[in-house]
Amino acid sequence: MNRTMEQVLIHSDGTTITLLEQGTDEHGEYLIVEHLGLARQARLVGYKLL
Protein backbone atom coordinates (compact mmCIF):
# COMPACT_ATOMS: atom_id res chain seq x y z
CA MET A 1 0.00 0.00 0.00
CA ASN A 2 1.27 3.49 -0.91
CA ARG A 3 0.58 6.41 1.46
CA THR A 4 1.05 10.19 1.33
CA MET A 5 1.69 12.84 3.98
CA GLU A 6 -1.23 14.81 5.42
CA GLN A 7 -2.22 17.85 3.34
CA VAL A 8 -4.73 20.56 4.27
CA LEU A 9 -6.78 22.90 2.06
CA ILE A 10 -8.29 25.92 3.81
CA HIS A 11 -11.11 27.83 2.11
CA SER A 12 -11.58 31.55 2.76
CA ASP A 13 -14.77 30.79 4.75
CA GLY A 14 -12.77 28.65 7.19
CA THR A 15 -13.81 25.27 5.82
CA THR A 16 -10.93 22.80 5.84
CA ILE A 17 -10.38 19.63 3.86
CA THR A 18 -7.59 17.43 5.14
CA LEU A 19 -6.17 14.57 3.10
CA LEU A 20 -5.63 11.94 5.78
CA GLU A 21 -4.60 9.07 3.57
CA GLN A 22 -4.18 8.24 -0.09
CA GLY A 23 -3.26 4.85 -1.34
CA THR A 24 -3.94 1.75 -3.34
CA ASP A 25 -5.41 -1.48 -2.06
CA GLU A 26 -6.88 -4.62 -3.61
CA HIS A 27 -9.91 -2.56 -4.82
CA GLY A 28 -7.87 0.21 -6.46
CA GLU A 29 -6.94 3.77 -5.54
CA TYR A 30 -8.59 5.56 -2.61
CA LEU A 31 -8.60 8.83 -0.63
CA ILE A 32 -9.59 9.33 2.98
CA VAL A 33 -10.43 12.96 3.74
CA GLU A 34 -11.81 14.97 6.65
CA HIS A 35 -14.11 17.87 5.70
CA LEU A 36 -14.71 20.34 8.54
CA GLY A 37 -17.03 23.28 8.33
CA LEU A 38 -20.16 21.65 6.96
CA ALA A 39 -22.08 21.85 10.25
CA ARG A 40 -21.41 25.57 10.61
CA GLN A 41 -22.39 26.23 7.01
CA ALA A 42 -25.55 24.13 7.40
CA ARG A 43 -26.60 26.18 10.42
CA LEU A 44 -26.05 29.39 8.46
CA VAL A 45 -28.54 28.30 5.81
CA GLY A 46 -31.04 26.85 8.27
CA TYR A 47 -30.41 23.09 8.11
CA LYS A 48 -30.73 21.09 11.30
CA LEU A 49 -28.13 18.35 11.68
CA LEU A 50 -28.73 15.33 13.90
C-alpha atoms as a PDB file:
ATOM      1  CA  MET A   1       0.000   0.000   0.000  1.00  0.00           C
ATOM      2  CA  ASN A   2       1.274   3.494  -0.907  1.00  0.00           C
ATOM      3  CA  ARG A   3       0.575   6.410   1.458  1.00  0.00           C
ATOM      4  CA  THR A   4       1.050  10.189   1.333  1.00  0.00           C
ATOM      5  CA  MET A   5       1.695  12.836   3.979  1.00  0.00           C
ATOM      6  CA  GLU A   6      -1.226  14.812   5.422  1.00  0.00           C
ATOM      7  CA  GLN A   7      -2.216  17.846   3.338  1.00  0.00           C
ATOM      8  CA  VAL A   8      -4.734  20.558   4.269  1.00  0.00           C
ATOM      9  CA  LEU A   9      -6.776  22.898   2.063  1.00  0.00           C
ATOM     10  CA  ILE A  10      -8.290  25.919   3.812  1.00  0.00           C
ATOM     11  CA  HIS A  11     -11.107  27.835   2.113  1.00  0.00           C
ATOM     12  CA  SER A  12     -11.581  31.550   2.756  1.00  0.00           C
ATOM     13  CA  ASP A  13     -14.769  30.792   4.753  1.00  0.00           C
ATOM     14  CA  GLY A  14     -12.766  28.647   7.189  1.00  0.00           C
ATOM     15  CA  THR A  15     -13.815  25.266   5.818  1.00  0.00           C
ATOM     16  CA  THR A  16     -10.927  22.801   5.842  1.00  0.00           C
ATOM     17  CA  ILE A  17     -10.380  19.633   3.863  1.00  0.00           C
ATOM     18  CA  THR A  18      -7.595  17.426   5.142  1.00  0.00           C
ATOM     19  CA  LEU A  19      -6.166  14.575   3.097  1.00  0.00           C
ATOM     20  CA  LEU A  20      -5.632  11.940   5.777  1.00  0.00           C
ATOM     21  CA  GLU A  21      -4.596   9.072   3.571  1.00  0.00           C
ATOM     22  CA  GLN A  22      -4.182   8.241  -0.092  1.00  0.00           C
ATOM     23  CA  GLY A  23      -3.263   4.849  -1.343  1.00  0.00           C
ATOM     24  CA  THR A  24      -3.938   1.749  -3.336  1.00  0.00           C
ATOM     25  CA  ASP A  25      -5.413  -1.481  -2.062  1.00  0.00           C
ATOM     26  CA  GLU A  26      -6.878  -4.625  -3.613  1.00  0.00           C
ATOM     27  CA  HIS A  27      -9.912  -2.560  -4.819  1.00  0.00           C
ATOM     28  CA  GLY A  28      -7.871   0.212  -6.459  1.00  0.00           C
ATOM     29  CA  GLU A  29      -6.942   3.770  -5.538  1.00  0.00           C
ATOM     30  CA  TYR A  30      -8.587   5.563  -2.612  1.00  0.00           C
ATOM     31  CA  LEU A  31      -8.603   8.828  -0.632  1.00  0.00           C
ATOM     32  CA  ILE A  32      -9.593   9.332   2.983  1.00  0.00           C
ATOM     33  CA  VAL A  33     -10.429  12.963   3.743  1.00  0.00           C
ATOM     34  CA  GLU A  34     -11.811  14.968   6.646  1.00  0.00           C
ATOM     35  CA  HIS A  35     -14.107  17.869   5.702  1.00  0.00           C
ATOM     36  CA  LEU A  36     -14.709  20.339   8.539  1.00  0.00           C
ATOM     37  CA  GLY A  37     -17.034  23.282   8.331  1.00  0.00           C
ATOM     38  CA  LEU A  38     -20.159  21.654   6.962  1.00  0.00           C
ATOM     39  CA  ALA A  39     -22.080  21.854  10.250  1.00  0.00           C
ATOM     40  CA  ARG A  40     -21.410  25.569  10.614  1.00  0.00           C
ATOM     41  CA  GLN A  41     -22.390  26.226   7.010  1.00  0.00           C
ATOM     42  CA  ALA A  42     -25.547  24.133   7.400  1.00  0.00           C
ATOM     43  CA  ARG A  43     -26.599  26.176  10.421  1.00  0.00           C
ATOM     44  CA  LEU A  44     -26.047  29.387   8.460  1.00  0.00           C
ATOM     45  CA  VAL A  45     -28.536  28.297   5.814  1.00  0.00           C
ATOM     46  CA  GLY A  46     -31.036  26.847   8.272  1.00  0.00           C
ATOM     47  CA  TYR A  47     -30.413  23.090   8.112  1.00  0.00           C
ATOM     48  CA  LYS A  48     -30.733  21.093  11.302  1.00  0.00           C
ATOM     49  CA  LEU A  49     -28.133  18.348  11.684  1.00  0.00           C
ATOM     50  CA  LEU A  50     -28.728  15.334  13.900  1.00  0.00           C
END
